[in-house]
Protein backbone atom coordinates (compact mmCIF):
# COMPACT_ATOMS: atom_id res chain seq x y z
CA MET A 1 -0.08 0.01 -0.03
CA GLN A 2 2.84 2.16 0.72
CA TRP A 3 4.19 1.71 -2.81
CA LEU A 4 0.75 2.93 -4.29
CA VAL A 5 0.65 5.83 -1.89
CA GLU A 6 4.20 6.86 -3.03
CA GLN A 7 3.09 6.61 -6.60
CA ALA A 8 0.48 8.89 -6.11
CA ARG A 9 2.51 11.42 -4.65
CA GLN A 10 4.70 11.60 -7.78
CA ARG A 11 1.57 11.61 -10.14
CA PRO A 12 0.96 15.29 -11.46
CA ALA A 13 -2.23 16.84 -10.05
CA LEU A 14 -5.24 17.17 -11.89
CA ALA A 15 -5.52 20.72 -13.28
CA ALA A 16 -8.09 22.82 -11.38
CA GLU A 17 -10.36 23.56 -14.50
CA TRP A 18 -10.87 19.58 -14.61
CA LYS A 19 -11.92 19.39 -10.55
CA THR A 20 -15.43 20.17 -11.54
CA GLU A 21 -18.86 18.57 -10.51
CA PRO A 22 -19.01 16.90 -13.94
CA HIS A 23 -15.90 15.19 -13.29
CA ARG A 24 -16.61 14.36 -9.44
CA VAL A 25 -17.03 10.71 -8.72
CA PRO A 26 -20.09 10.34 -6.51
CA GLY A 27 -20.65 8.26 -3.64
CA CYS A 28 -16.84 8.70 -2.11
CA LEU A 29 -16.23 9.94 1.17
CA ALA A 30 -13.02 11.87 -0.39
CA ASN A 31 -13.24 14.30 -3.19
CA LEU A 32 -12.42 12.29 -6.43
CA TRP A 33 -12.13 13.63 -10.12
CA LEU A 34 -12.16 11.65 -13.03
CA VAL A 35 -11.39 13.14 -16.17
CA ALA A 36 -11.82 10.71 -19.42
CA GLU A 37 -10.58 11.55 -22.83
CA LEU A 38 -10.34 10.14 -26.17
CA ARG A 39 -7.31 10.34 -28.38
CA GLY A 40 -6.63 8.68 -31.46
CA GLY A 41 -9.14 5.99 -30.71
CA ARG A 42 -7.66 5.17 -27.60
CA CYS A 43 -8.60 6.10 -23.81
CA HIS A 44 -7.04 8.09 -21.71
CA PHE A 45 -7.85 8.69 -17.91
CA GLN A 46 -6.28 11.03 -15.17
CA CYS A 47 -7.73 11.44 -11.52
CA ASP A 48 -6.99 13.30 -8.56
CA SER A 49 -8.21 13.27 -4.86
CA ASP A 50 -7.87 15.17 -1.69
CA SER A 51 -6.92 11.64 -0.04
CA GLN A 52 -3.73 10.13 -1.01
CA ILE A 53 -4.97 6.58 -0.59
CA VAL A 54 -7.95 7.26 -2.98
CA ARG A 55 -5.88 8.88 -5.52
CA ALA A 56 -3.67 6.04 -5.32
CA VAL A 57 -6.21 3.26 -5.69
CA ALA A 58 -8.22 5.33 -8.34
CA GLY A 59 -4.80 6.29 -9.97
CA LEU A 60 -3.91 2.51 -10.42
CA LEU A 61 -7.18 2.11 -12.49
CA CYS A 62 -6.45 5.08 -14.53
CA GLU A 63 -2.89 3.98 -15.51
CA PHE A 64 -3.70 0.36 -16.21
CA TYR A 65 -6.70 1.63 -18.60
CA SER A 66 -4.88 4.80 -20.18
CA ASP A 67 -3.96 3.92 -23.85
CA ALA A 68 -6.35 1.22 -24.33
CA THR A 69 -8.83 0.96 -26.93
CA PRO A 70 -12.71 0.96 -25.85
CA GLY A 71 -12.74 -2.67 -26.79
CA GLU A 72 -9.86 -3.79 -24.63
CA ILE A 73 -11.21 -1.96 -21.54
CA LEU A 74 -14.39 -3.64 -21.71
CA ALA A 75 -12.85 -6.96 -22.52
CA GLN A 76 -10.69 -6.80 -19.24
CA PRO A 77 -12.47 -6.12 -16.11
CA PRO A 78 -10.43 -5.19 -13.08
CA ASP A 79 -10.19 -8.77 -11.67
CA PHE A 80 -6.40 -8.27 -11.23
CA LEU A 81 -6.93 -6.34 -8.33
CA GLU A 82 -8.02 -9.32 -6.43
CA GLN A 83 -5.55 -11.59 -7.98
CA VAL A 84 -2.66 -9.28 -6.62
CA GLY A 85 -4.12 -8.83 -3.34
CA ILE A 86 -4.97 -4.92 -3.51
CA ASN A 87 -8.55 -5.49 -2.44
CA GLN A 88 -7.60 -7.17 0.97
CA HIS A 89 -5.72 -4.17 2.21
CA LEU A 90 -8.78 -1.77 1.30
CA THR A 91 -11.58 -0.77 3.61
CA ALA A 92 -14.88 -1.29 2.44
CA ASN A 93 -15.26 2.58 1.37
CA ARG A 94 -11.90 2.40 -0.69
CA ARG A 95 -13.31 -0.86 -2.40
CA ASN A 96 -16.10 0.94 -3.34
CA VAL A 97 -14.03 3.91 -4.47
CA LEU A 98 -12.24 1.20 -7.08
CA SER A 99 -15.81 0.21 -8.44
CA ARG A 100 -17.17 3.48 -8.84
CA VAL A 101 -14.04 4.23 -10.85
CA TRP A 102 -14.34 1.10 -12.94
CA GLU A 103 -18.06 2.18 -13.32
CA ARG A 104 -16.84 5.43 -14.68
CA ILE A 105 -14.06 3.92 -17.07
CA ARG A 106 -16.32 1.14 -18.38
CA SER A 107 -19.13 3.79 -18.93
CA PHE A 108 -16.91 5.71 -21.02
CA ALA A 109 -15.45 3.20 -23.08
CA GLU A 110 -18.84 1.87 -23.68
CA GLU A 111 -20.19 5.09 -24.90
CA GLN A 112 -16.81 5.45 -27.16
CA ARG A 113 -17.71 2.08 -28.97
CA ARG A 114 -21.00 2.69 -29.67
CA ALA A 115 -19.83 5.90 -31.31
CA GLN A 116 -17.29 4.02 -33.16
CA ASP A 117 -20.08 1.60 -34.16
CA GLN A 118 -22.16 4.30 -35.73
CA ASP A 119 -19.40 5.79 -37.59
């Protein structure tokens, strides 16, 4: 867990213009913002939080799924978190944060795939 927090500290902060209500992830005790973008057919995610641990666990998902296509994201749910034992070190609220971040990432990927299918 300490390694994750160190990684979060090294990650650049999200610009203030992105720390707005539309980017806020609801249902988290800490403030958490998630920005999703599509560039060149690939999804990119950035996040920030006023809690280092929340920033760390959300950032893990953002890093894992950034630069993936929508199809790749949808084909790979975050089961790896359980496999590497991250979930067992998190409180119920922080596991909830991961679920909510995954929901936002998955929803964004689904929207992008639907848009691609319509083109």
